[in-house]
Amino acid sequence: MRQAILDAAEGLFARHGFYGVTTRQVASEAGVDTALIHYYFGAKRELFDAVFLRRAEILNHDRKASMDAYESAHPGSMTTLGVITAFIDPLIERSLTGGQGWKNYFALVAQVNNTPTWGGETMHRFFDPVVHQLVDTIKRANPEAELTDLYWCYQFLTGSMMLALSETGRIDQLSEGLCHSSDLEAVRARLYRYCAAGFEALVSPAA
């Protein structure tokens, strides 16, 4: 029952946002009584946080393990591209292989990441430690880099990453069918190099 409620809420929040969904709608989608939502989760915001936390814990574990493995395998020879690949690739892999639930989740995270009122606070609570690991690891790969530049670079990276993962169909129309937002292998072949080039352009002394 609890998982069914989380799945239903995740899909509805991804499509309509936090304010566009009621607990009654979630109950109807999950096929349960509204009282069960309050029993398991409390108010709507607590339900939303539970939806957010469920997959955030998995992503944080995947990305931490991926960056740790990359750094262990490349002592003294890490590259910006290698670190960024280790950070983003677990998300692409989850979206490619994890089913509709993961696609709903990434669409939801993209919304929250662009919500001025409380989105930043939500992202801070659920994702900051792994982002700090990314910045610290890139700093070790580029000792000359300024932390100010690295944090700005992450700001630009997260926008590119979440737009790509939300699969909005925008590029399909813009390119008149030449590109498809659902083609995550095409994203994988380009996004990491694109982001790494931006980091390197800012951290390079010549730049």
Protein backbone atom coordinates (compact mmCIF):
# COMPACT_ATOMS: atom_id res chain seq x y z
CA MET A 1 0.00 0.00 0.00
CA ARG A 2 2.75 2.42 0.96
CA GLN A 3 4.67 1.82 -2.28
CA ALA A 4 1.48 2.11 -4.33
CA ILE A 5 0.79 5.50 -2.74
CA LEU A 6 4.35 6.69 -3.41
CA ASP A 7 4.17 5.53 -7.04
CA ALA A 8 0.84 7.27 -7.60
CA ALA A 9 2.00 10.49 -5.92
CA GLU A 10 5.25 10.50 -7.87
CA GLY A 11 3.45 10.27 -11.21
CA LEU A 12 0.91 12.96 -10.30
CA PHE A 13 3.49 15.36 -8.86
CA ALA A 14 5.67 14.87 -11.97
CA ARG A 15 2.76 15.77 -14.27
CA HIS A 16 1.06 18.52 -12.27
CA GLY A 17 3.52 19.81 -9.69
CA PHE A 18 3.11 19.99 -5.93
CA TYR A 19 0.30 22.55 -5.93
CA GLY A 20 -1.62 20.84 -8.73
CA VAL A 21 -2.19 17.61 -6.79
CA THR A 22 -4.44 16.79 -3.83
CA THR A 23 -4.15 13.86 -1.46
CA ARG A 24 -7.61 12.80 -2.62
CA GLN A 25 -6.29 12.53 -6.19
CA VAL A 26 -3.32 10.49 -5.00
CA ALA A 27 -5.63 8.15 -3.09
CA SER A 28 -7.83 7.70 -6.15
CA GLU A 29 -4.81 7.01 -8.38
CA ALA A 30 -3.42 4.48 -5.89
CA GLY A 31 -6.82 2.88 -5.28
CA VAL A 32 -6.75 3.46 -1.52
CA ASP A 33 -8.69 5.46 1.03
CA THR A 34 -7.42 8.99 1.71
CA ALA A 35 -7.06 8.10 5.39
CA LEU A 36 -4.24 5.71 4.49
CA ILE A 37 -2.18 8.58 3.12
CA HIS A 38 -2.47 10.43 6.41
CA TYR A 39 -1.72 7.22 8.29
CA TYR A 40 1.48 6.49 6.39
CA PHE A 41 2.74 9.99 5.62
CA GLY A 42 0.76 12.77 7.32
CA ALA A 43 0.09 15.94 5.32
CA LYS A 44 0.71 16.42 1.61
CA ARG A 45 4.15 17.98 2.13
CA GLU A 46 5.30 14.96 4.13
CA LEU A 47 4.04 12.72 1.32
CA PHE A 48 5.97 14.82 -1.19
CA ASP A 49 9.14 14.58 0.89
CA ALA A 50 8.74 10.80 1.11
CA VAL A 51 8.42 10.63 -2.68
CA PHE A 52 11.53 12.75 -3.07
CA LEU A 53 13.58 10.84 -0.51
CA ARG A 54 12.82 7.34 -1.83
CA ARG A 55 14.84 7.67 -5.02
CA ALA A 56 17.21 10.41 -3.77
CA GLU A 57 18.79 7.90 -1.41
CA ILE A 58 19.38 5.49 -4.29
CA LEU A 59 20.83 8.19 -6.55
CA ASN A 60 23.10 9.53 -3.84
CA HIS A 61 24.44 6.03 -3.16
CA ASP A 62 24.96 5.35 -6.89
CA ARG A 63 26.75 8.63 -7.56
CA LYS A 64 28.95 8.45 -4.47
CA ALA A 65 29.99 4.88 -5.33
CA SER A 66 30.63 5.85 -8.95
CA MET A 67 32.85 8.82 -8.07
CA ASP A 68 34.68 6.84 -5.38
CA ALA A 69 35.37 4.05 -7.88
CA TYR A 70 36.60 6.50 -10.51
CA GLU A 71 38.96 8.25 -8.10
CA SER A 72 40.32 4.93 -6.79
CA ALA A 73 40.98 3.72 -10.33
CA HIS A 74 42.76 6.93 -11.41
CA PRO A 75 45.08 8.04 -8.59
CA GLY A 76 46.77 11.23 -9.66
CA SER A 77 45.32 11.10 -13.18
CA MET A 78 41.69 12.13 -12.81
CA THR A 79 40.14 14.31 -15.51
CA THR A 80 37.20 16.68 -15.32
CA LEU A 81 35.42 14.60 -17.95
CA GLY A 82 35.97 11.42 -15.95
CA VAL A 83 34.58 12.91 -12.74
CA ILE A 84 31.53 14.39 -14.49
CA THR A 85 30.87 11.10 -16.26
CA ALA A 86 30.98 9.28 -12.92
CA PHE A 87 28.55 11.82 -11.45
CA ILE A 88 25.92 11.92 -14.23
CA ASP A 89 26.04 8.44 -15.74
CA PRO A 90 24.20 6.70 -12.86
CA LEU A 91 21.21 8.96 -13.53
CA ILE A 92 21.21 8.22 -17.25
CA GLU A 93 21.47 4.51 -16.52
CA ARG A 94 18.55 4.60 -14.08
CA SER A 95 16.41 6.43 -16.63
CA LEU A 96 17.35 3.99 -19.40
CA THR A 97 16.73 0.83 -17.41
CA GLY A 98 14.53 1.70 -14.43
CA GLY A 99 11.11 2.09 -16.01
CA GLN A 100 8.54 4.88 -15.96
CA GLY A 101 8.92 5.52 -12.24
CA TRP A 102 12.43 6.85 -12.71
CA LYS A 103 11.37 9.02 -15.63
CA ASN A 104 8.59 10.47 -13.47
CA TYR A 105 11.09 11.13 -10.72
CA PHE A 106 13.55 12.98 -12.95
CA ALA A 107 10.74 15.14 -14.36
CA LEU A 108 9.76 15.95 -10.77
CA VAL A 109 13.32 16.83 -9.74
CA ALA A 110 13.62 19.12 -12.78
CA GLN A 111 10.50 20.96 -11.61
CA VAL A 112 11.74 21.31 -8.05
CA ASN A 113 15.16 22.45 -9.22
CA ASN A 114 13.46 25.39 -10.95
CA THR A 115 11.00 26.34 -8.19
CA PRO A 116 12.18 29.65 -6.65
CA THR A 117 10.12 29.58 -3.43
CA TRP A 118 11.16 26.26 -1.87
CA GLY A 119 12.95 24.28 -4.60
CA GLY A 120 16.44 25.29 -3.53
CA GLU A 121 15.76 24.31 0.08
CA THR A 122 14.42 20.92 -1.04
CA MET A 123 17.41 20.22 -3.27
CA HIS A 124 19.69 21.30 -0.41
CA ARG A 125 18.13 18.81 2.02
CA PHE A 126 18.28 15.83 -0.32
CA PHE A 127 21.31 16.27 -2.59
CA ASP A 128 23.96 18.62 -1.16
CA PRO A 129 26.46 16.02 0.17
CA VAL A 130 26.90 14.29 -3.19
CA VAL A 131 27.17 17.65 -4.98
CA HIS A 132 29.90 18.73 -2.56
CA GLN A 133 31.69 15.46 -3.32
CA LEU A 134 31.55 16.32 -7.04
CA VAL A 135 32.96 19.80 -6.49
CA ASP A 136 35.68 18.53 -4.14
CA THR A 137 36.69 15.76 -6.55
CA ILE A 138 36.91 18.12 -9.52
CA LYS A 139 38.97 20.46 -7.33
CA ARG A 140 41.41 17.61 -6.65
CA ALA A 141 41.60 16.96 -10.38
CA ASN A 142 42.13 20.70 -11.03
CA PRO A 143 44.00 22.15 -8.03
CA GLU A 144 44.29 25.55 -9.73
CA ALA A 145 40.50 25.92 -10.00
CA GLU A 146 38.69 28.55 -7.93
CA LEU A 147 35.82 27.18 -5.85
CA THR A 148 33.64 30.08 -6.99
CA ASP A 149 34.02 28.93 -10.60
CA LEU A 150 33.34 25.30 -9.69
CA TYR A 151 30.09 26.14 -7.93
CA TRP A 152 28.93 28.26 -10.88
CA CYS A 153 29.85 25.42 -13.20
CA TYR A 154 27.74 23.04 -11.14
CA GLN A 155 24.84 25.47 -11.38
CA PHE A 156 25.07 25.30 -15.17
CA LEU A 157 25.65 21.53 -15.18
CA THR A 158 22.57 20.76 -13.11
CA GLY A 159 20.36 22.79 -15.43
CA SER A 160 21.63 20.93 -18.49
CA MET A 161 21.45 17.56 -16.75
CA MET A 162 17.91 17.89 -15.43
CA LEU A 163 16.52 19.32 -18.68
CA ALA A 164 18.00 16.37 -20.57
CA LEU A 165 16.57 13.87 -18.08
CA SER A 166 13.09 15.41 -18.04
CA GLU A 167 12.56 14.45 -21.72
CA THR A 168 10.19 17.34 -22.46
CA GLY A 169 10.11 16.84 -26.23
CA ARG A 170 11.29 20.42 -26.79
CA ILE A 171 14.31 19.43 -28.89
CA ASP A 172 12.11 17.15 -31.03
CA GLN A 173 10.07 20.12 -32.20
CA LEU A 174 12.97 22.55 -32.33
CA SER A 175 15.06 20.23 -34.53
CA GLU A 176 12.02 19.17 -36.60
CA GLY A 177 12.58 15.54 -35.68
CA LEU A 178 16.35 15.51 -36.14
CA CYS A 179 16.85 14.98 -32.40
CA HIS A 180 14.68 13.28 -29.80
CA SER A 181 14.63 14.07 -26.09
CA SER A 182 13.96 10.40 -25.32
CA ASP A 183 17.23 9.38 -27.01
CA LEU A 184 19.30 9.18 -23.84
CA GLU A 185 22.15 7.44 -25.61
CA ALA A 186 22.51 10.58 -27.74
CA VAL A 187 22.44 12.61 -24.52
CA ARG A 188 25.07 10.33 -22.99
CA ALA A 189 27.34 10.77 -26.04
CA ARG A 190 27.26 14.57 -25.73
CA LEU A 191 26.27 15.84 -22.28
CA TYR A 192 29.36 14.77 -20.34
CA ARG A 193 31.79 16.32 -22.83
CA TYR A 194 29.67 19.48 -23.05
CA CYS A 195 29.69 19.96 -19.27
CA ALA A 196 33.38 19.09 -18.90
CA ALA A 197 34.33 21.62 -21.57
CA GLY A 198 32.48 24.32 -19.65
CA PHE A 199 34.29 23.48 -16.42
CA GLU A 200 37.65 23.41 -18.16
CA ALA A 201 37.05 26.72 -19.92
CA LEU A 202 36.46 28.43 -16.58
CA VAL A 203 39.17 26.75 -14.51
CA SER A 204 41.90 27.14 -17.13
CA PRO A 205 44.36 29.94 -16.28
CA ALA A 206 44.27 30.99 -19.93
CA ALA A 207 40.50 31.50 -19.72
